Protein backbone atom coordinates (compact mmCIF):
# COMPACT_ATOMS: atom_id res chain seq x y z
CA MET A 1 -47.99 -34.41 101.84
CA ASP A 2 -48.55 -31.15 99.94
CA LYS A 3 -52.31 -31.49 100.38
CA VAL A 4 -51.88 -31.89 104.13
CA PHE A 5 -49.84 -28.69 104.43
CA ARG A 6 -52.24 -26.76 102.21
CA ALA A 7 -55.19 -27.95 104.27
CA LEU A 8 -53.53 -27.01 107.55
CA ALA A 9 -52.50 -23.57 106.28
CA ASP A 10 -56.05 -22.22 106.52
CA PRO A 11 -57.23 -21.14 110.00
CA THR A 12 -60.83 -22.14 109.30
CA ARG A 13 -59.81 -25.68 108.42
CA ARG A 14 -57.68 -25.84 111.54
CA SER A 15 -60.74 -24.74 113.50
CA LEU A 16 -62.74 -27.59 111.98
CA LEU A 17 -60.06 -30.05 113.04
CA ASP A 18 -60.10 -28.52 116.51
CA GLU A 19 -63.86 -29.10 116.66
CA LEU A 20 -63.45 -32.73 115.66
CA PHE A 21 -60.61 -33.08 118.15
CA ARG A 22 -63.01 -31.81 120.82
CA GLU A 23 -65.90 -34.02 119.71
CA ASP A 24 -65.41 -36.63 117.00
CA GLY A 25 -68.09 -37.86 114.59
CA GLN A 26 -69.98 -34.59 113.96
CA SER A 27 -72.45 -33.84 111.19
CA LEU A 28 -72.16 -30.93 108.77
CA SER A 29 -74.98 -29.11 110.58
CA ALA A 30 -73.26 -29.47 113.95
CA LEU A 31 -69.99 -28.13 112.58
CA GLN A 32 -71.69 -25.23 110.82
CA GLU A 33 -73.25 -24.09 114.10
CA ARG A 34 -69.77 -23.61 115.54
CA LEU A 35 -68.38 -21.50 112.68
CA PRO A 36 -69.42 -18.05 111.40
CA MET A 37 -69.94 -19.11 107.78
CA THR A 38 -72.49 -20.61 105.44
CA ARG A 39 -73.20 -24.32 105.11
CA PHE A 40 -71.66 -24.23 101.64
CA GLY A 41 -68.48 -22.67 103.00
CA VAL A 42 -68.11 -25.36 105.64
CA MET A 43 -68.70 -28.03 102.99
CA LYS A 44 -65.88 -26.63 100.84
CA HIS A 45 -63.43 -26.69 103.73
CA LEU A 46 -64.45 -30.20 104.76
CA LYS A 47 -63.98 -31.38 101.18
CA LEU A 48 -60.38 -30.10 101.19
CA LEU A 49 -59.74 -31.77 104.54
CA GLU A 50 -61.13 -35.05 103.16
CA GLU A 51 -58.93 -34.79 100.07
CA ALA A 52 -55.92 -34.32 102.36
CA GLY A 53 -56.93 -37.39 104.37
CA LEU A 54 -57.30 -35.36 107.57
CA VAL A 55 -61.03 -36.08 107.79
CA VAL A 56 -62.88 -39.30 106.98
CA THR A 57 -66.66 -39.70 106.81
CA ARG A 58 -69.18 -42.39 107.65
CA ARG A 59 -72.91 -42.60 106.99
CA ARG A 60 -75.15 -43.13 110.01
CA GLY A 61 -78.69 -43.37 108.72
CA ARG A 62 -79.42 -40.13 106.88
CA GLU A 63 -76.50 -38.27 108.44
CA LYS A 64 -72.92 -38.03 107.21
CA LEU A 65 -70.55 -37.90 110.17
CA HIS A 66 -67.03 -36.49 110.06
CA PHE A 67 -64.09 -37.99 111.96
CA LEU A 68 -60.61 -36.60 112.57
CA ASN A 69 -57.94 -38.83 110.99
CA PRO A 70 -54.56 -38.18 112.67
CA VAL A 71 -52.53 -40.53 110.48
CA PRO A 72 -51.32 -37.89 107.94
CA ILE A 73 -50.11 -35.70 110.79
CA ARG A 74 -48.30 -38.69 112.29
CA LEU A 75 -46.59 -39.23 108.93
CA VAL A 76 -45.40 -35.62 108.91
CA HIS A 77 -44.05 -36.16 112.42
CA ASP A 78 -42.24 -39.36 111.45
CA ARG A 79 -40.67 -37.82 108.36
CA TRP A 80 -39.22 -34.69 109.91
CA VAL A 81 -39.82 -34.15 113.60
CA SER A 82 -39.07 -37.50 115.21
CA LYS A 83 -35.47 -37.67 114.06
CA TYR A 84 -34.67 -34.35 115.76
CA ALA A 85 -36.96 -33.82 118.71
CA GLU A 86 -39.02 -36.93 119.44
CA PRO A 87 -39.10 -36.55 123.25
CA PHE A 88 -40.44 -32.99 123.00
CA ALA A 89 -42.65 -33.07 119.92
CA ALA A 90 -44.36 -36.48 119.93
CA THR A 91 -47.25 -35.32 122.08
CA LEU A 92 -47.98 -32.51 119.63
CA SER A 93 -48.50 -34.89 116.71
CA ASP A 94 -50.80 -37.42 118.40
CA LEU A 95 -53.95 -35.29 118.13
CA LYS A 96 -56.28 -38.09 119.13
CA ARG A 97 -54.41 -39.39 122.13
CA ARG A 98 -56.32 -37.47 124.80
CA LEU A 99 -59.93 -37.07 123.74
CA GLU A 100 -63.06 -36.72 125.81
CA ASP A 101 -65.79 -37.45 123.29
CA ARG A 102 -69.03 -39.35 123.51
CA THR A 103 -68.88 -41.26 120.24
CA MET A 104 -66.03 -43.59 121.16
CA GLU A 105 -65.67 -44.79 117.61
CA LYS A 106 -62.23 -44.01 116.19
CA ILE A 107 -61.52 -44.13 112.47
CA PHE A 108 -58.01 -44.09 110.97
CA GLU A 109 -57.24 -44.03 107.26
CA VAL A 110 -54.03 -44.28 105.24
CA TYR A 111 -53.14 -44.78 101.57
CA ILE A 112 -50.35 -47.26 100.87
CA LYS A 113 -48.73 -47.98 97.52
CA THR A 114 -49.07 -51.76 97.53
CA THR A 115 -51.43 -54.55 96.51
CA PRO A 116 -54.32 -55.85 98.65
CA GLU A 117 -52.59 -59.22 98.91
CA ARG A 118 -49.32 -57.70 100.12
CA LEU A 119 -51.17 -55.50 102.61
CA TRP A 120 -53.14 -58.47 103.93
CA GLN A 121 -49.88 -60.37 104.36
CA ALA A 122 -48.39 -57.49 106.34
CA ILE A 123 -51.40 -57.55 108.67
CA THR A 124 -51.41 -61.31 109.24
CA ASP A 125 -47.75 -62.36 108.95
CA ALA A 126 -46.11 -62.49 112.39
CA GLU A 127 -42.66 -61.31 111.30
CA MET A 128 -43.96 -58.45 109.14
CA ARG A 129 -46.45 -57.39 111.81
CA ARG A 130 -43.69 -57.32 114.44
CA LYS A 131 -41.87 -54.65 112.44
CA TYR A 132 -44.59 -52.01 112.86
CA THR A 133 -46.68 -53.09 115.88
CA PHE A 134 -44.15 -51.82 118.42
CA GLY A 135 -42.19 -55.06 118.03
CA ALA A 136 -45.03 -57.24 119.35
CA VAL A 137 -45.39 -60.70 117.77
CA VAL A 138 -48.98 -61.33 116.63
CA THR A 139 -49.97 -64.92 115.90
CA SER A 140 -53.20 -66.59 114.81
CA GLU A 141 -54.68 -69.14 112.40
CA TRP A 142 -56.51 -66.20 110.79
CA THR A 143 -59.82 -67.99 110.35
CA ALA A 144 -63.26 -66.83 111.51
CA GLY A 145 -63.69 -67.70 115.17
CA SER A 146 -59.98 -68.28 115.77
CA HIS A 147 -57.99 -66.68 118.57
CA TYR A 148 -55.14 -64.21 118.06
CA GLU A 149 -52.63 -62.79 120.50
CA GLY A 150 -49.83 -60.28 120.68
CA VAL A 151 -46.73 -61.05 122.76
CA GLY A 152 -43.89 -58.74 123.75
CA HIS A 153 -40.93 -59.51 126.01
CA GLY A 154 -42.47 -62.88 126.83
CA ALA A 155 -45.75 -61.40 128.09
CA LEU A 156 -49.23 -61.39 126.56
CA ILE A 157 -50.02 -57.73 125.80
CA PHE A 158 -53.27 -58.03 123.82
CA ASP A 159 -55.55 -60.69 122.41
CA GLY A 160 -58.96 -61.32 120.93
CA GLU A 161 -61.06 -63.29 118.45
CA ASN A 162 -61.16 -63.03 114.66
CA LEU A 163 -64.85 -62.33 114.10
CA GLU A 164 -64.74 -61.95 110.30
CA VAL A 165 -61.90 -62.99 108.00
CA ASP A 166 -62.30 -62.10 104.31
CA PRO A 167 -58.85 -61.91 102.67
CA PRO A 168 -57.65 -59.62 101.24
CA ARG A 169 -60.48 -57.19 101.98
CA ARG A 170 -61.78 -57.23 105.52
CA LEU A 171 -60.76 -58.39 108.99
CA VAL A 172 -62.93 -57.82 112.07
CA GLN A 173 -61.52 -58.62 115.50
CA SER A 174 -62.43 -58.28 119.12
CA PHE A 175 -59.63 -56.56 121.05
CA ARG A 176 -58.56 -56.80 124.67
CA ALA A 177 -55.60 -54.74 125.94
CA LEU A 178 -53.48 -56.46 128.59
CA TRP A 179 -50.27 -54.44 128.86
CA GLY A 180 -51.28 -52.66 132.10
CA GLU A 181 -53.86 -52.80 134.86
CA ASP A 182 -55.37 -49.50 133.70
CA VAL A 183 -56.22 -50.88 130.25
CA LYS A 184 -57.19 -54.37 131.41
CA ASN A 185 -60.17 -52.82 133.15
CA GLU A 186 -61.49 -51.41 129.85
CA GLY A 187 -62.76 -54.81 128.71
CA THR A 188 -63.26 -55.82 125.08
CA SER A 189 -63.65 -53.52 122.07
CA ARG A 190 -63.65 -54.17 118.31
CA VAL A 191 -61.20 -53.42 115.49
CA THR A 192 -62.12 -53.56 111.79
CA TRP A 193 -59.50 -53.52 109.02
CA GLU A 194 -60.85 -52.66 105.55
CA ILE A 195 -58.71 -52.77 102.40
CA GLU A 196 -59.87 -51.04 99.22
CA PRO A 197 -57.70 -51.10 96.07
CA ILE A 198 -57.40 -47.70 94.38
CA GLY A 199 -55.24 -47.63 91.26
CA ASP A 200 -51.78 -48.90 92.16
CA SER A 201 -52.42 -48.33 95.87
CA CYS A 202 -54.74 -49.38 98.67
CA ARG A 203 -56.81 -47.39 101.10
CA LEU A 204 -56.62 -49.00 104.52
CA THR A 205 -59.29 -47.94 107.01
CA VAL A 206 -59.07 -49.09 110.62
CA THR A 207 -62.17 -48.56 112.75
CA HIS A 208 -61.83 -49.06 116.50
CA ASP A 209 -65.29 -49.06 118.05
CA GLN A 210 -67.38 -50.52 120.85
CA LEU A 211 -65.19 -48.50 123.19
CA ARG A 212 -66.48 -47.48 126.58
CA GLU A 213 -67.42 -43.81 126.79
CA GLY A 214 -64.33 -42.09 128.17
CA ALA A 215 -62.19 -45.19 127.58
CA ASN A 216 -58.46 -45.01 128.26
CA ALA A 217 -56.83 -43.36 125.23
CA GLN A 218 -54.04 -45.96 125.27
CA LEU A 219 -56.46 -48.35 123.58
CA TYR A 220 -56.63 -46.32 120.37
CA GLY A 221 -53.90 -43.68 120.68
CA GLY A 222 -51.22 -45.88 119.11
CA TRP A 223 -53.01 -46.46 115.80
CA PRO A 224 -51.44 -43.47 113.98
CA MET A 225 -47.95 -44.79 114.69
CA VAL A 226 -48.91 -48.38 113.80
CA LEU A 227 -50.33 -47.34 110.42
CA SER A 228 -47.41 -45.00 109.77
CA GLY A 229 -45.06 -47.90 110.42
CA LEU A 230 -47.06 -50.19 108.14
CA LYS A 231 -46.97 -47.65 105.31
CA THR A 232 -43.23 -47.09 105.78
CA LEU A 233 -42.51 -50.82 105.77
CA LEU A 234 -44.48 -51.62 102.62
CA GLU A 235 -43.34 -48.58 100.62
CA THR A 236 -39.68 -48.41 101.64
CA GLY A 237 -38.84 -51.69 103.37
CA GLU A 238 -37.61 -49.69 106.36
CA LEU A 239 -38.77 -49.47 109.98
CA LEU A 240 -39.74 -46.43 111.99
CA THR A 241 -37.08 -45.67 114.58
CA THR A 242 -39.02 -43.55 117.05
CA PRO A 243 -38.64 -44.84 120.64
CA ALA A 244 -42.27 -45.97 120.92
CA SER A 245 -42.05 -47.82 117.61
CA LEU A 246 -39.26 -49.97 119.05
CA ARG A 247 -40.95 -50.65 122.37
CA TRP A 248 -40.86 -54.44 122.09
CA LEU A 249 -38.59 -54.81 119.07
CA ASP A 250 -35.52 -55.63 121.17
CA ASP A 251 -37.19 -58.69 122.66
CA PRO A 252 -34.33 -61.22 122.96
CA HIS A 253 -36.77 -64.14 122.93
CA PRO A 254 -39.63 -63.33 120.53
CA ALA A 255 -42.50 -65.73 120.19
CA PRO A 256 -42.25 -68.05 117.16
């Protein structure tokens, strides 16, 4: 986490994160226009933010777009803040929870010390998944075209179709939120899980796209906590104990 703290210590880099918080998926040119410095200077700061995992990039044609990745900040929250002041501080750590951007493509990235096979198992195994997906039980045949669903407290809370299944590298799913009337009206979006082995670890990138412009932030706001819980489980064998992490974990009658 040293890189995260070093990156956040500089006011210019915090300004860049603020700009991406305001409007995600910006090019280098767009970000430069908002800061009183040279293109080279902005590039240097973005490089440090990328190295800290606070910014991830995607190519769109000839442009390189920059996205705010809140997962490292969520990990800082889970390590120190949540055990002392969760009710007061949680909203400060979820930087992407209340956005008003036009891109509506959310990208989340985390590095986990594990193997691709073990990570794939954690994504597709119902009991392992339950430990970091707010206690919801996710079941499926995990084949292309198959259905999957998440159940909590006896109720269906989300479901969708497995569009691409390529273990242990890539999983693409449609996603439909069902836990409340406000999110039911948002319709279907798409979630892509991508696993890339790097040394003795894996880089997991989750892209949530095909979201309606101005979509309810509940659809994607929980990803930082989900990925933090997944990292914690695989690296320590423990569960996050923040209240939201345990939302459905006390289900007395979990689905099989």
